[in-house]
Amino acid sequence: MRKLKKSFYLLFVFGVLFMPSLGYAEMGEDISYAARGAGKIVGGVFAIPKAMLQDSGRVLFPFGLVTGAIRGTVETVTGVVGGVVDVARGGAPYAKYAAIAAL
């Protein structure tokens, strides 16, 4: 009887481990959009100092910092806006669950 219980538990564990995924087929794509968007948002924070350092080595002293600040600001705005759009696109399929949880 003990051996039967062990074999049942073993069969159950293997069945759970090797069972095919029942998740939504495009769930990985949604998660990748959200992760890419989060990366863009975090990367946008460092765009201004990065651009200022890059342009200060290429252009004359005061102009390199100014052009770097302008270029970095544009990169920051585009990165953050693009990141927010990607996060929203990745999280949109799950918004229905938030509405249900709010009830």
Protein backbone atom coordinates (compact mmCIF):
# COMPACT_ATOMS: atom_id res chain seq x y z
CA MET A 1 0.00 0.00 0.00
CA ARG A 2 2.88 2.36 0.82
CA LYS A 3 4.49 1.72 -2.52
CA LEU A 4 1.24 2.54 -4.28
CA LYS A 5 1.06 5.93 -2.49
CA LYS A 6 4.65 6.76 -3.43
CA SER A 7 4.07 5.87 -7.06
CA PHE A 8 0.86 7.94 -7.10
CA TYR A 9 2.69 10.97 -5.68
CA LEU A 10 5.53 10.50 -8.11
CA LEU A 11 3.10 10.23 -11.02
CA PHE A 12 1.32 13.37 -9.81
CA VAL A 13 4.57 15.36 -9.58
CA PHE A 14 5.69 14.29 -13.04
CA GLY A 15 2.26 15.03 -14.44
CA VAL A 16 2.36 18.57 -13.06
CA LEU A 17 5.91 19.16 -14.27
CA PHE A 18 5.36 17.93 -17.80
CA MET A 19 1.84 19.21 -18.34
CA PRO A 20 1.61 21.63 -21.27
CA SER A 21 1.08 25.28 -20.44
CA LEU A 22 -2.51 26.40 -20.42
CA GLY A 23 -1.61 30.09 -20.47
CA TYR A 24 -2.57 32.56 -23.13
CA ALA A 25 -0.47 32.03 -26.26
CA GLU A 26 0.69 35.64 -26.54
CA MET A 27 1.39 36.16 -22.85
CA GLY A 28 5.15 36.16 -23.42
CA GLU A 29 4.81 38.87 -26.03
CA ASP A 30 2.83 41.04 -23.61
CA ILE A 31 5.43 40.58 -20.90
CA SER A 32 8.23 41.42 -23.33
CA TYR A 33 6.48 44.67 -24.29
CA ALA A 34 6.15 45.62 -20.63
CA ALA A 35 9.79 44.75 -19.88
CA ARG A 36 11.05 46.64 -22.92
CA GLY A 37 8.97 49.66 -21.89
CA ALA A 38 10.36 49.57 -18.37
CA GLY A 39 13.86 49.43 -19.82
CA LYS A 40 13.17 52.45 -22.00
CA ILE A 41 11.82 54.41 -19.05
CA VAL A 42 14.83 53.61 -16.86
CA GLY A 43 17.23 54.25 -19.76
CA GLY A 44 15.58 57.59 -20.45
CA VAL A 45 16.66 58.84 -17.04
CA PHE A 46 20.31 58.47 -17.99
CA ALA A 47 20.03 59.89 -21.52
CA ILE A 48 20.87 63.50 -20.60
CA PRO A 49 24.14 62.81 -18.74
CA LYS A 50 25.17 60.27 -21.38
CA ALA A 51 24.58 62.70 -24.24
CA MET A 52 26.36 65.51 -22.39
CA LEU A 53 29.42 63.35 -21.83
CA GLN A 54 29.46 62.19 -25.43
CA ASP A 55 29.09 65.68 -26.91
CA SER A 56 31.59 67.27 -24.52
CA GLY A 57 34.29 65.07 -26.04
CA ARG A 58 33.33 65.91 -29.62
CA VAL A 59 32.37 69.59 -29.61
CA LEU A 60 34.07 72.67 -28.12
CA PHE A 61 33.62 73.20 -24.36
CA PRO A 62 30.43 75.19 -23.80
CA PHE A 63 28.69 74.06 -26.97
CA GLY A 64 29.22 70.35 -26.30
CA LEU A 65 27.40 70.53 -22.99
CA VAL A 66 24.55 72.57 -24.45
CA THR A 67 24.06 70.34 -27.49
CA GLY A 68 24.38 67.28 -25.27
CA ALA A 69 21.70 68.62 -22.93
CA ILE A 70 19.37 69.31 -25.84
CA ARG A 71 20.00 65.94 -27.50
CA GLY A 72 19.68 64.18 -24.14
CA THR A 73 16.39 65.91 -23.41
CA VAL A 74 14.98 64.77 -26.73
CA GLU A 75 16.19 61.21 -26.09
CA THR A 76 14.72 61.30 -22.57
CA VAL A 77 11.31 62.46 -23.75
CA THR A 78 11.13 59.99 -26.62
CA GLY A 79 12.40 57.13 -24.44
CA VAL A 80 9.95 57.79 -21.62
CA VAL A 81 6.96 58.30 -23.94
CA GLY A 82 7.86 55.19 -25.94
CA GLY A 83 8.37 53.24 -22.73
CA VAL A 84 5.00 54.28 -21.36
CA VAL A 85 3.33 53.24 -24.60
CA ASP A 86 5.08 49.85 -24.52
CA VAL A 87 4.12 49.26 -20.88
CA ALA A 88 0.53 50.20 -21.65
CA ARG A 89 0.50 47.89 -24.67
CA GLY A 90 1.91 45.03 -22.60
CA GLY A 91 -0.47 45.61 -19.69
CA ALA A 92 -3.65 46.27 -21.67
CA PRO A 93 -4.78 42.63 -21.84
CA TYR A 94 -4.65 42.44 -18.05
CA ALA A 95 -6.68 45.60 -17.39
CA LYS A 96 -9.87 43.57 -17.26
CA TYR A 97 -8.55 41.78 -14.16
CA ALA A 98 -7.90 45.10 -12.43
CA ALA A 99 -11.49 46.13 -13.10
CA ILE A 100 -12.75 42.86 -11.62
CA ALA A 101 -10.49 43.22 -8.57
CA ALA A 102 -11.75 46.76 -7.93
CA LEU A 103 -15.30 45.48 -7.48
